[in-house]
Amino acid sequence: MDLNTRVPASPDAPLKVAVILGSNREGRFGPVVAEWFLRRAAAHPGVGTDLIDVAETEVPTAAPVAPRLARADAFVVLTPEYNHSYPAPLKSLVDRHFSEWQAKPVAFVSYGGISGGLRAVEHLRQVFAELHAVSVRDTVSFHNAGALFDDLGEPRDPGPVDGAAKRMLDQLVWWGRALREARIRHPYGG
């Protein structure tokens, strides 16, 4: 589903989910994780996605990202872990906006070495709480991510991560619908 299509704000309308790819490093593994996640999200009946790649938002000719964030009902942040935290371009994207995040849920897909990016997620939870966003409890985490995917970009053992993605998306849809309805009934004044 294209997020630019006008969807009525009914309680059961699919959520407009902005999926944010948070790394811009050369040779990054993030696109593999993003493509895997987007395939899982496409199979979920409650969501439509819009991929926002921080590497593309940094170029001078990039379309403004604020309207895309504002249109979103919910967010999924895909982040690696760099030095026990998340990447600077992701921090820059988050900090350039405020009202776009308010009263909306944020879920996380992380990847990295032994910690699987979970330390980056814990830092991001604090940042999004300050921005009046609600973080979804369950995450998807890839520990030693490079070894977990085959040459076609599919997890070697899909059962656990597919199950984690479904649980996370189910929670995101619940929170997204509840907060969308609340914003419609009573605009958030954070």
C-alpha atoms as a PDB file:
ATOM      1  CA  MET A   1       0.000   0.000   0.000  1.00  0.00           C
ATOM      2  CA  ASP A   2       1.305   3.447  -0.903  1.00  0.00           C
ATOM      3  CA  LEU A   3       1.286   5.812   2.076  1.00  0.00           C
ATOM      4  CA  ASN A   4       0.574   8.760  -0.174  1.00  0.00           C
ATOM      5  CA  THR A   5      -2.881   7.336  -0.899  1.00  0.00           C
ATOM      6  CA  ARG A   6      -5.557   8.983   1.237  1.00  0.00           C
ATOM      7  CA  VAL A   7      -6.895   6.360   3.686  1.00  0.00           C
ATOM      8  CA  PRO A   8      -9.997   7.127   5.725  1.00  0.00           C
ATOM      9  CA  ALA A   9      -9.261   7.402   9.427  1.00  0.00           C
ATOM     10  CA  SER A  10     -11.530   4.534  10.388  1.00  0.00           C
ATOM     11  CA  PRO A  11     -10.471   2.381  13.339  1.00  0.00           C
ATOM     12  CA  ASP A  12      -9.800  -0.611  11.079  1.00  0.00           C
ATOM     13  CA  ALA A  13      -7.954   1.220   8.284  1.00  0.00           C
ATOM     14  CA  PRO A  14      -4.425  -0.123   7.722  1.00  0.00           C
ATOM     15  CA  LEU A  15      -1.738   1.793   9.557  1.00  0.00           C
ATOM     16  CA  LYS A  16       0.604   4.009   7.600  1.00  0.00           C
ATOM     17  CA  VAL A  17       3.978   2.823   8.920  1.00  0.00           C
ATOM     18  CA  ALA A  18       7.188   4.716   8.175  1.00  0.00           C
ATOM     19  CA  VAL A  19      10.071   2.228   8.235  1.00  0.00           C
ATOM     20  CA  ILE A  20      13.288   4.107   8.967  1.00  0.00           C
ATOM     21  CA  LEU A  21      16.571   2.566   7.859  1.00  0.00           C
ATOM     22  CA  GLY A  22      18.994   4.169  10.293  1.00  0.00           C
ATOM     23  CA  SER A  23      22.479   3.509   8.887  1.00  0.00           C
ATOM     24  CA  ASN A  24      24.336   5.238   6.081  1.00  0.00           C
ATOM     25  CA  ARG A  25      27.705   3.458   6.292  1.00  0.00           C
ATOM     26  CA  GLU A  26      29.282   2.200   3.109  1.00  0.00           C
ATOM     27  CA  GLY A  27      28.860  -1.583   2.882  1.00  0.00           C
ATOM     28  CA  ARG A  28      26.080  -1.491   5.479  1.00  0.00           C
ATOM     29  CA  PHE A  29      24.026  -4.588   6.260  1.00  0.00           C
ATOM     30  CA  GLY A  30      20.856  -2.566   6.894  1.00  0.00           C
ATOM     31  CA  PRO A  31      19.324  -2.972   3.418  1.00  0.00           C
ATOM     32  CA  VAL A  32      19.304  -6.766   3.864  1.00  0.00           C
ATOM     33  CA  VAL A  33      17.412  -6.413   7.161  1.00  0.00           C
ATOM     34  CA  ALA A  34      15.117  -3.758   5.677  1.00  0.00           C
ATOM     35  CA  GLU A  35      14.144  -5.889   2.684  1.00  0.00           C
ATOM     36  CA  TRP A  36      13.456  -8.860   4.962  1.00  0.00           C
ATOM     37  CA  PHE A  37      11.311  -6.716   7.262  1.00  0.00           C
ATOM     38  CA  LEU A  38       9.404  -5.050   4.414  1.00  0.00           C
ATOM     39  CA  ARG A  39       8.466  -8.499   3.070  1.00  0.00           C
ATOM     40  CA  ARG A  40       7.117  -9.463   6.510  1.00  0.00           C
ATOM     41  CA  ALA A  41       5.224  -6.183   6.869  1.00  0.00           C
ATOM     42  CA  ALA A  42       3.692  -6.579   3.389  1.00  0.00           C
ATOM     43  CA  ALA A  43       2.199  -9.887   4.531  1.00  0.00           C
ATOM     44  CA  HIS A  44       0.570  -8.254   7.572  1.00  0.00           C
ATOM     45  CA  PRO A  45      -2.982  -7.104   6.807  1.00  0.00           C
ATOM     46  CA  GLY A  46      -2.867  -4.147   9.199  1.00  0.00           C
ATOM     47  CA  VAL A  47      -0.003  -2.110   7.718  1.00  0.00           C
ATOM     48  CA  GLY A  48       1.212  -0.223   4.673  1.00  0.00           C
ATOM     49  CA  THR A  49       4.850   0.861   4.613  1.00  0.00           C
ATOM     50  CA  ASP A  50       6.996   3.744   3.436  1.00  0.00           C
ATOM     51  CA  LEU A  51      10.777   3.180   3.618  1.00  0.00           C
ATOM     52  CA  ILE A  52      12.772   6.215   4.732  1.00  0.00           C
ATOM     53  CA  ASP A  53      16.513   5.599   4.317  1.00  0.00           C
ATOM     54  CA  VAL A  54      18.699   8.056   6.258  1.00  0.00           C
ATOM     55  CA  ALA A  55      21.331   7.714   3.522  1.00  0.00           C
ATOM     56  CA  GLU A  56      18.851   9.199   1.059  1.00  0.00           C
ATOM     57  CA  THR A  57      17.605  11.989   3.334  1.00  0.00           C
ATOM     58  CA  GLU A  58      21.116  13.463   3.573  1.00  0.00           C
ATOM     59  CA  VAL A  59      21.496  14.296  -0.134  1.00  0.00           C
ATOM     60  CA  PRO A  60      20.624  17.859  -1.200  1.00  0.00           C
ATOM     61  CA  THR A  61      18.067  16.693  -3.778  1.00  0.00           C
ATOM     62  CA  ALA A  62      16.147  14.519  -1.304  1.00  0.00           C
ATOM     63  CA  ALA A  63      12.452  15.207  -0.881  1.00  0.00           C
ATOM     64  CA  PRO A  64      11.542  16.612   2.526  1.00  0.00           C
ATOM     65  CA  VAL A  65      11.002  13.817   5.008  1.00  0.00           C
ATOM     66  CA  ALA A  66       8.812  15.772   7.480  1.00  0.00           C
ATOM     67  CA  PRO A  67       5.566  15.275   5.495  1.00  0.00           C
ATOM     68  CA  ARG A  68       6.231  11.536   5.243  1.00  0.00           C
ATOM     69  CA  LEU A  69       6.795  11.318   9.003  1.00  0.00           C
ATOM     70  CA  ALA A  70       3.705  13.431   9.696  1.00  0.00           C
ATOM     71  CA  ARG A  71       1.510  11.169   7.505  1.00  0.00           C
ATOM     72  CA  ALA A  72       2.673   8.059   9.362  1.00  0.00           C
ATOM     73  CA  ASP A  73       0.469   6.502  12.041  1.00  0.00           C
ATOM     74  CA  ALA A  74       3.420   4.507  13.415  1.00  0.00           C
ATOM     75  CA  PHE A  75       7.136   3.910  12.945  1.00  0.00           C
ATOM     76  CA  VAL A  76       9.541   0.995  12.758  1.00  0.00           C
ATOM     77  CA  VAL A  77      13.181   1.975  13.280  1.00  0.00           C
ATOM     78  CA  LEU A  78      15.785  -0.389  11.810  1.00  0.00           C
ATOM     79  CA  THR A  79      19.063   0.279  13.573  1.00  0.00           C
ATOM     80  CA  PRO A  80      22.506  -1.224  13.886  1.00  0.00           C
ATOM     81  CA  GLU A  81      24.533  -0.763  17.024  1.00  0.00           C
ATOM     82  CA  TYR A  82      27.635   1.409  16.700  1.00  0.00           C
ATOM     83  CA  ASN A  83      29.784   1.786  19.818  1.00  0.00           C
ATOM     84  CA  HIS A  84      26.974   0.694  22.174  1.00  0.00           C
ATOM     85  CA  SER A  85      24.467   3.126  20.638  1.00  0.00           C
ATOM     86  CA  TYR A  86      22.715   4.026  17.400  1.00  0.00           C
ATOM     87  CA  PRO A  87      24.110   5.841  14.322  1.00  0.00           C
ATOM     88  CA  ALA A  88      24.539   9.615  14.162  1.00  0.00           C
ATOM     89  CA  PRO A  89      22.454  10.020  10.965  1.00  0.00           C
ATOM     90  CA  LEU A  90      19.522   8.391  12.744  1.00  0.00           C
ATOM     91  CA  LYS A  91      19.944  10.754  15.702  1.00  0.00           C
ATOM     92  CA  SER A  92      20.030  13.683  13.286  1.00  0.00           C
ATOM     93  CA  LEU A  93      16.821  12.552  11.556  1.00  0.00           C
ATOM     94  CA  VAL A  94      15.031  12.063  14.863  1.00  0.00           C
ATOM     95  CA  ASP A  95      16.202  15.392  16.303  1.00  0.00           C
ATOM     96  CA  ARG A  96      15.197  17.432  13.245  1.00  0.00           C
ATOM     97  CA  HIS A  97      11.537  16.653  13.962  1.00  0.00           C
ATOM     98  CA  PHE A  98       9.276  16.862  16.982  1.00  0.00           C
ATOM     99  CA  SER A  99       5.527  16.932  16.432  1.00  0.00           C
ATOM    100  CA  GLU A 100       5.781  14.234  13.744  1.00  0.00           C
ATOM    101  CA  TRP A 101       6.622  11.648  16.443  1.00  0.00           C
ATOM    102  CA  GLN A 102       4.127  12.727  19.109  1.00  0.00           C
ATOM    103  CA  ALA A 103       1.466  10.297  20.322  1.00  0.00           C
ATOM    104  CA  LYS A 104       2.520   7.614  17.844  1.00  0.00           C
ATOM    105  CA  PRO A 105       4.017   4.155  18.461  1.00  0.00           C
ATOM    106  CA  VAL A 106       7.578   3.222  17.545  1.00  0.00           C
ATOM    107  CA  ALA A 107       8.810  -0.353  17.129  1.00  0.00           C
ATOM    108  CA  PHE A 108      12.404  -1.484  16.645  1.00  0.00           C
ATOM    109  CA  VAL A 109      14.304  -3.963  14.493  1.00  0.00           C
ATOM    110  CA  SER A 110      17.972  -4.082  15.453  1.00  0.00           C
ATOM    111  CA  TYR A 111      21.046  -5.877  14.273  1.00  0.00           C
ATOM    112  CA  GLY A 112      24.681  -6.084  15.179  1.00  0.00           C
ATOM    113  CA  GLY A 113      27.252  -8.246  16.853  1.00  0.00           C
ATOM    114  CA  ILE A 114      26.752 -10.176  20.045  1.00  0.00           C
ATOM    115  CA  SER A 115      24.186  -7.747  21.477  1.00  0.00           C
ATOM    116  CA  GLY A 116      22.117  -7.673  18.287  1.00  0.00           C
ATOM    117  CA  GLY A 117      21.681  -3.922  18.501  1.00  0.00           C
ATOM    118  CA  LEU A 118      19.699  -4.049  21.729  1.00  0.00           C
ATOM    119  CA  ARG A 119      21.828  -1.373  23.399  1.00  0.00           C
ATOM    120  CA  ALA A 120      20.992   0.982  20.519  1.00  0.00           C
ATOM    121  CA  VAL A 121      17.297   0.211  21.022  1.00  0.00           C
ATOM    122  CA  GLU A 122      17.492   1.003  24.727  1.00  0.00           C
ATOM    123  CA  HIS A 123      18.987   4.412  23.923  1.00  0.00           C
ATOM    124  CA  LEU A 124      16.325   5.055  21.297  1.00  0.00           C
ATOM    125  CA  ARG A 125      13.521   4.222  23.732  1.00  0.00           C
ATOM    126  CA  GLN A 126      14.679   7.092  25.962  1.00  0.00           C
ATOM    127  CA  VAL A 127      14.860   9.520  23.049  1.00  0.00           C
ATOM    128  CA  PHE A 128      11.409   8.632  21.743  1.00  0.00           C
ATOM    129  CA  ALA A 129       9.900   8.886  25.234  1.00  0.00           C
ATOM    130  CA  GLU A 130      11.205  12.469  25.363  1.00  0.00           C
ATOM    131  CA  LEU A 131       9.479  13.102  22.021  1.00  0.00           C
ATOM    132  CA  HIS A 132       6.141  11.884  23.455  1.00  0.00           C
ATOM    133  CA  ALA A 133       6.145   8.700  21.372  1.00  0.00           C
ATOM    134  CA  VAL A 134       5.229   5.262  22.728  1.00  0.00           C
ATOM    135  CA  SER A 135       7.742   2.467  22.202  1.00  0.00           C
ATOM    136  CA  VAL A 136       6.424  -1.026  21.518  1.00  0.00           C
ATOM    137  CA  ARG A 137       7.725  -3.571  24.013  1.00  0.00           C
ATOM    138  CA  ASP A 138       8.667  -6.441  21.682  1.00  0.00           C
ATOM    139  CA  THR A 139      11.509  -6.017  19.199  1.00  0.00           C
ATOM    140  CA  VAL A 140      13.184  -8.046  16.489  1.00  0.00           C
ATOM    141  CA  SER A 141      16.904  -8.431  17.081  1.00  0.00           C
ATOM    142  CA  PHE A 142      19.573 -10.067  14.932  1.00  0.00           C
ATOM    143  CA  HIS A 143      22.656 -11.125  16.926  1.00  0.00           C
ATOM    144  CA  ASN A 144      25.725 -11.564  14.684  1.00  0.00           C
ATOM    145  CA  ALA A 145      23.434 -10.577  11.833  1.00  0.00           C
ATOM    146  CA  GLY A 146      25.768 -11.279   8.924  1.00  0.00           C
ATOM    147  CA  ALA A 147      25.860 -14.988   9.741  1.00  0.00           C
ATOM    148  CA  LEU A 148      22.078 -15.283  10.127  1.00  0.00           C
ATOM    149  CA  PHE A 149      21.113 -14.506   6.515  1.00  0.00           C
ATOM    150  CA  ASP A 150      21.758 -16.521   3.371  1.00  0.00           C
ATOM    151  CA  ASP A 151      22.969 -15.110   0.039  1.00  0.00           C
ATOM    152  CA  LEU A 152      19.369 -14.327  -0.990  1.00  0.00           C
ATOM    153  CA  GLY A 153      18.742 -12.155   2.083  1.00  0.00           C
ATOM    154  CA  GLU A 154      16.588 -14.680   3.913  1.00  0.00           C
ATOM    155  CA  PRO A 155      17.189 -15.773   7.512  1.00  0.00           C
ATOM    156  CA  ARG A 156      18.772 -19.209   7.730  1.00  0.00           C
ATOM    157  CA  ASP A 157      16.362 -20.057  10.576  1.00  0.00           C
ATOM    158  CA  PRO A 158      13.243 -17.984   9.802  1.00  0.00           C
ATOM    159  CA  GLY A 159      10.926 -19.378  12.482  1.00  0.00           C
ATOM    160  CA  PRO A 160      12.050 -17.348  15.496  1.00  0.00           C
ATOM    161  CA  VAL A 161      12.530 -14.027  13.674  1.00  0.00           C
ATOM    162  CA  ASP A 162       9.329 -14.343  11.653  1.00  0.00           C
ATOM    163  CA  GLY A 163       7.454 -15.030  14.899  1.00  0.00           C
ATOM    164  CA  ALA A 164       9.112 -12.035  16.581  1.00  0.00           C
ATOM    165  CA  ALA A 165       8.218  -9.808  13.618  1.00  0.00           C
ATOM    166  CA  LYS A 166       4.577 -10.914  13.723  1.00  0.00           C
ATOM    167  CA  ARG A 167       4.301 -10.268  17.482  1.00  0.00           C
ATOM    168  CA  MET A 168       5.923  -6.861  17.094  1.00  0.00           C
ATOM    169  CA  LEU A 169       3.698  -5.901  14.162  1.00  0.00           C
ATOM    170  CA  ASP A 170       0.578  -7.081  16.031  1.00  0.00           C
ATOM    171  CA  GLN A 171       1.533  -4.839  18.969  1.00  0.00           C
ATOM    172  CA  LEU A 172       2.349  -1.938  16.648  1.00  0.00           C
ATOM    173  CA  VAL A 173      -1.055  -2.258  14.961  1.00  0.00           C
ATOM    174  CA  TRP A 174      -2.840  -2.312  18.333  1.00  0.00           C
ATOM    175  CA  TRP A 175      -0.990   0.765  19.593  1.00  0.00           C
ATOM    176  CA  GLY A 176      -1.189   2.485  16.227  1.00  0.00           C
ATOM    177  CA  ARG A 177      -4.955   2.117  15.965  1.00  0.00           C
ATOM    178  CA  ALA A 178      -5.534   3.112  19.596  1.00  0.00           C
ATOM    179  CA  LEU A 179      -3.356   6.217  19.323  1.00  0.00           C
ATOM    180  CA  ARG A 180      -4.720   7.186  15.888  1.00  0.00           C
ATOM    181  CA  GLU A 181      -8.262   7.080  17.252  1.00  0.00           C
ATOM    182  CA  ALA A 182      -7.186   9.058  20.329  1.00  0.00           C
ATOM    183  CA  ARG A 183      -5.490  11.729  18.162  1.00  0.00           C
ATOM    184  CA  ILE A 184      -8.642  12.043  16.063  1.00  0.00           C
ATOM    185  CA  ARG A 185     -10.943  12.347  19.083  1.00  0.00           C
ATOM    186  CA  HIS A 186      -8.643  14.607  21.066  1.00  0.00           C
ATOM    187  CA  PRO A 187      -5.595  16.102  19.303  1.00  0.00           C
ATOM    188  CA  TYR A 188      -2.421  15.615  21.301  1.00  0.00           C
ATOM    189  CA  GLY A 189      -1.167  18.773  22.961  1.00  0.00           C
ATOM    190  CA  GLY A 190       2.133  17.407  24.350  1.00  0.00           C
END
